[in-house]
Protein backbone atom coordinates (compact mmCIF):
# COMPACT_ATOMS: atom_id res chain seq x y z
CA MET A 1 0.00 0.00 0.00
CA GLN A 2 1.27 3.45 -0.97
CA LEU A 3 0.05 6.47 1.00
CA ARG A 4 0.00 9.96 -0.48
CA ARG A 5 -0.93 13.26 1.15
CA VAL A 6 -3.80 15.01 -0.60
CA GLY A 7 -4.06 18.55 0.66
CA PRO A 8 -3.75 19.49 4.34
CA ASP A 9 -6.14 16.91 5.85
CA ALA A 10 -6.46 13.93 3.52
CA LEU A 11 -4.60 10.76 2.63
CA LEU A 12 -4.94 8.62 -0.49
CA ALA A 13 -4.12 4.93 -0.09
CA GLU A 14 -3.16 3.20 -3.35
CA VAL A 15 -3.90 -0.52 -3.04
CA GLY A 16 -3.94 -1.81 -6.64
CA ASP A 17 -7.48 -3.09 -7.21
CA ALA A 18 -11.12 -2.46 -6.31
CA ALA A 19 -11.51 -5.53 -4.07
CA SER A 20 -8.56 -4.40 -1.93
CA ALA A 21 -9.90 -0.84 -1.82
CA LEU A 22 -13.29 -2.11 -0.60
CA ALA A 23 -11.60 -4.33 1.99
CA LEU A 24 -9.44 -1.47 3.30
CA ALA A 25 -12.43 0.90 3.47
CA GLY A 26 -14.44 -1.72 5.38
CA TRP A 27 -11.55 -2.33 7.78
CA ALA A 28 -11.12 1.42 8.30
CA ARG A 29 -14.80 1.91 9.12
CA ALA A 30 -14.83 -1.12 11.46
CA HIS A 31 -11.81 0.33 13.29
CA ALA A 32 -13.34 3.83 13.39
CA VAL A 33 -10.30 5.47 11.85
CA PRO A 34 -10.24 9.22 12.44
CA ALA A 35 -11.55 10.50 9.11
CA VAL A 36 -14.72 12.35 8.18
CA GLU A 37 -15.00 10.38 4.90
CA VAL A 38 -13.65 7.01 3.76
CA VAL A 39 -14.17 6.66 -0.01
CA PRO A 40 -13.14 3.49 -1.89
CA ALA A 41 -12.50 3.66 -5.64
CA ALA A 42 -11.12 1.39 -8.38
CA GLU A 43 -7.59 1.18 -6.92
CA THR A 44 -7.54 3.66 -4.05
CA VAL A 45 -9.19 4.74 -0.81
CA LEU A 46 -9.47 8.42 0.07
CA PHE A 47 -9.42 9.36 3.75
CA ASP A 48 -10.70 12.93 3.98
CA GLY A 49 -11.12 15.22 6.97
CA VAL A 50 -8.23 13.60 8.84
CA PRO A 51 -7.12 15.53 11.96
CA ASP A 52 -3.74 13.73 12.15
CA THR A 53 -2.48 12.35 8.83
CA GLU A 54 0.74 11.02 10.39
CA GLY A 55 -1.22 9.10 13.01
CA LEU A 56 -3.59 7.73 10.39
CA ALA A 57 -0.65 6.56 8.28
CA VAL A 58 0.68 4.56 11.25
CA LEU A 59 -2.77 3.09 11.93
CA LEU A 60 -3.25 2.09 8.27
CA GLY A 61 0.11 0.30 8.43
CA SER A 62 -1.55 -2.33 10.64
CA TRP A 63 -4.08 -3.30 7.93
CA VAL A 64 -3.52 -6.79 6.54
CA PRO A 65 -5.29 -7.61 3.24
CA SER A 66 -7.68 -10.54 3.47
CA ASP A 67 -9.41 -12.84 0.99
CA GLU A 68 -12.59 -12.98 3.05
CA PRO A 69 -15.69 -12.16 0.97
CA PRO A 70 -17.71 -9.06 1.85
CA THR A 71 -20.59 -9.63 4.26
CA GLY A 72 -22.66 -6.53 3.51
CA ARG A 73 -26.42 -6.61 3.31
CA LEU A 74 -28.05 -8.38 0.36
CA VAL A 75 -30.31 -6.36 -1.94
CA GLU A 76 -32.43 -7.93 -4.68
CA VAL A 77 -32.95 -5.71 -7.72
CA GLU A 78 -35.79 -6.53 -10.11
CA VAL A 79 -34.89 -6.06 -13.77
CA VAL A 80 -36.98 -6.04 -16.94
CA TYR A 81 -34.57 -7.65 -19.42
CA ASP A 82 -35.40 -5.75 -22.61
CA GLY A 83 -32.24 -3.70 -23.18
CA PRO A 84 -31.00 -2.69 -26.63
CA ASP A 85 -27.74 -4.68 -26.19
CA LEU A 86 -29.26 -7.94 -25.00
CA ALA A 87 -28.77 -9.62 -28.41
CA PHE A 88 -25.16 -8.36 -28.61
CA VAL A 89 -24.37 -9.81 -25.18
CA ALA A 90 -26.09 -13.10 -26.09
CA GLU A 91 -23.90 -13.44 -29.18
CA ALA A 92 -20.75 -12.51 -27.23
CA TRP A 93 -21.59 -15.14 -24.60
CA GLY A 94 -22.55 -17.79 -27.16
CA THR A 95 -26.10 -18.12 -25.88
CA ASP A 96 -29.58 -16.70 -26.41
CA GLU A 97 -31.28 -13.86 -24.54
CA ALA A 98 -32.71 -16.26 -21.95
CA GLY A 99 -29.17 -17.52 -21.38
CA VAL A 100 -27.97 -13.95 -20.74
CA VAL A 101 -30.72 -13.47 -18.15
CA ALA A 102 -29.83 -16.79 -16.49
CA ARG A 103 -26.13 -15.92 -16.29
CA HIS A 104 -26.75 -12.35 -15.13
CA THR A 105 -29.16 -13.43 -12.39
CA GLY A 106 -26.98 -16.40 -11.40
CA VAL A 107 -24.20 -14.22 -9.96
CA GLU A 108 -24.04 -12.56 -6.56
CA TYR A 109 -22.42 -9.18 -7.16
CA VAL A 110 -20.65 -6.89 -4.69
CA VAL A 111 -20.64 -3.10 -4.91
CA GLU A 112 -16.96 -2.23 -4.81
CA PHE A 113 -17.29 1.53 -5.17
CA CYS A 114 -19.55 4.32 -6.39
CA GLY A 115 -18.71 7.01 -8.91
CA PHE A 116 -19.52 8.65 -12.24
CA ALA A 117 -22.81 10.01 -10.82
CA PRO A 118 -24.44 10.02 -7.36
CA GLY A 119 -25.79 6.51 -6.78
CA PHE A 120 -23.93 4.88 -9.69
CA SER A 121 -22.52 1.68 -8.19
CA TYR A 122 -19.77 -0.46 -9.74
CA LEU A 123 -20.65 -4.10 -9.12
CA ALA A 124 -18.02 -6.84 -9.34
CA GLY A 125 -18.68 -10.54 -9.73
CA LEU A 126 -18.93 -11.23 -13.44
CA PRO A 127 -16.25 -13.77 -14.45
CA ASP A 128 -13.42 -12.58 -16.71
CA GLU A 129 -14.58 -14.81 -19.57
CA LEU A 130 -17.90 -12.90 -19.68
CA ALA A 131 -16.30 -9.45 -20.03
CA ILE A 132 -18.21 -7.24 -22.47
CA PRO A 133 -16.66 -4.31 -24.39
CA ARG A 134 -18.12 -0.85 -24.04
CA LEU A 135 -19.81 0.81 -26.98
CA GLU A 136 -17.35 2.38 -29.42
CA VAL A 137 -19.43 5.57 -29.33
CA PRO A 138 -21.34 6.29 -26.08
CA ARG A 139 -25.06 6.94 -26.22
CA PRO A 140 -25.92 10.61 -25.65
CA ARG A 141 -28.69 9.58 -23.23
CA VAL A 142 -29.13 6.40 -21.21
CA PRO A 143 -32.47 6.24 -19.35
CA ALA A 144 -32.51 6.24 -15.55
CA GLY A 145 -32.71 2.72 -14.14
CA SER A 146 -30.77 1.14 -17.02
CA VAL A 147 -28.71 -1.93 -16.08
CA GLY A 148 -25.53 -2.39 -18.09
CA LEU A 149 -22.21 -4.17 -18.46
CA ALA A 150 -18.74 -2.83 -19.26
CA GLY A 151 -15.80 -5.20 -19.04
CA THR A 152 -16.55 -7.33 -15.98
CA TRP A 153 -18.42 -4.50 -14.23
CA CYS A 154 -22.17 -4.29 -13.89
CA GLY A 155 -23.69 -0.87 -13.27
CA LEU A 156 -27.07 0.77 -12.80
CA TYR A 157 -27.76 4.31 -14.02
CA PRO A 158 -29.48 6.31 -11.22
CA THR A 159 -30.39 9.19 -13.54
CA ALA A 160 -30.53 9.76 -17.27
CA SER A 161 -27.04 10.52 -18.57
CA PRO A 162 -24.65 9.77 -21.41
CA GLY A 163 -23.10 6.32 -21.22
CA GLY A 164 -21.19 3.68 -23.11
CA TRP A 165 -22.18 0.53 -21.22
CA ARG A 166 -24.03 -2.36 -22.92
CA LEU A 167 -27.62 -2.24 -21.67
CA LEU A 168 -29.34 -5.46 -20.60
CA GLY A 169 -32.53 -3.98 -19.19
CA ARG A 170 -34.00 -1.60 -16.66
CA THR A 171 -35.07 -1.44 -13.03
CA ALA A 172 -37.68 0.68 -11.28
CA ALA A 173 -35.58 0.70 -8.08
CA ARG A 174 -34.79 4.17 -6.77
CA LEU A 175 -30.99 4.09 -6.81
CA TRP A 176 -30.40 7.55 -5.32
CA ASP A 177 -32.61 9.37 -2.83
CA GLN A 178 -31.19 12.31 -0.87
CA ASP A 179 -33.85 11.80 1.82
CA ARG A 180 -32.73 8.20 2.47
CA ASP A 181 -29.86 7.20 4.78
CA PRO A 182 -27.65 6.35 3.04
CA PRO A 183 -28.85 8.09 -0.14
CA ALA A 184 -27.42 5.34 -2.40
CA LEU A 185 -29.49 2.14 -2.53
CA LEU A 186 -26.29 0.23 -3.28
CA PRO A 187 -23.35 1.67 -1.29
CA PRO A 188 -19.93 -0.04 -1.29
CA GLY A 189 -19.98 -3.47 0.33
CA THR A 190 -23.60 -4.23 -0.60
CA ARG A 191 -24.21 -7.68 -2.08
CA VAL A 192 -26.61 -7.62 -5.03
CA ARG A 193 -28.75 -10.24 -6.75
CA PHE A 194 -30.69 -9.45 -9.90
CA VAL A 195 -34.09 -11.06 -10.39
CA PRO A 196 -36.32 -10.90 -13.47
CA ALA A 197 -39.24 -8.51 -12.93
């Protein structure tokens, strides 16, 4: 793990991959590290609002990476599988559209981090052999609730926005609600199962 100062009261821990970042963030929260925010990302964890960065660096030195799977709460997300890229994914996976639905719903995903837009969660769990390329040219508008794939990531669009992910379908779940605690339906560490609506 590499630690870098970010401004006067923040540290950035570089850990190499999203699973390690999620594990470190979970460990930090469980040990109540002195930071206002602990934010995992694809290869890093940001510790912001740190009163003593030197002390935090020493504390983080006691973290030992683990292969234990996340034990966050399980959320089931209903999906209508009618996305414009369903046939593309079926061909890429050597199956039909029903086979795509079966494979997509047969995986338990884990939210490793959020980004891109408030409530947009990056879900890991798809095997490497099922990686799907992004669109060569992003769509100017992806509808809110769209469920898509990019590489081995699965993501859900909380609001309408541009996007280049391959769309499998859509959910009516409210992915971001500022009046909810936490506002994101799927914060880091959440386990997710997709079910056909």
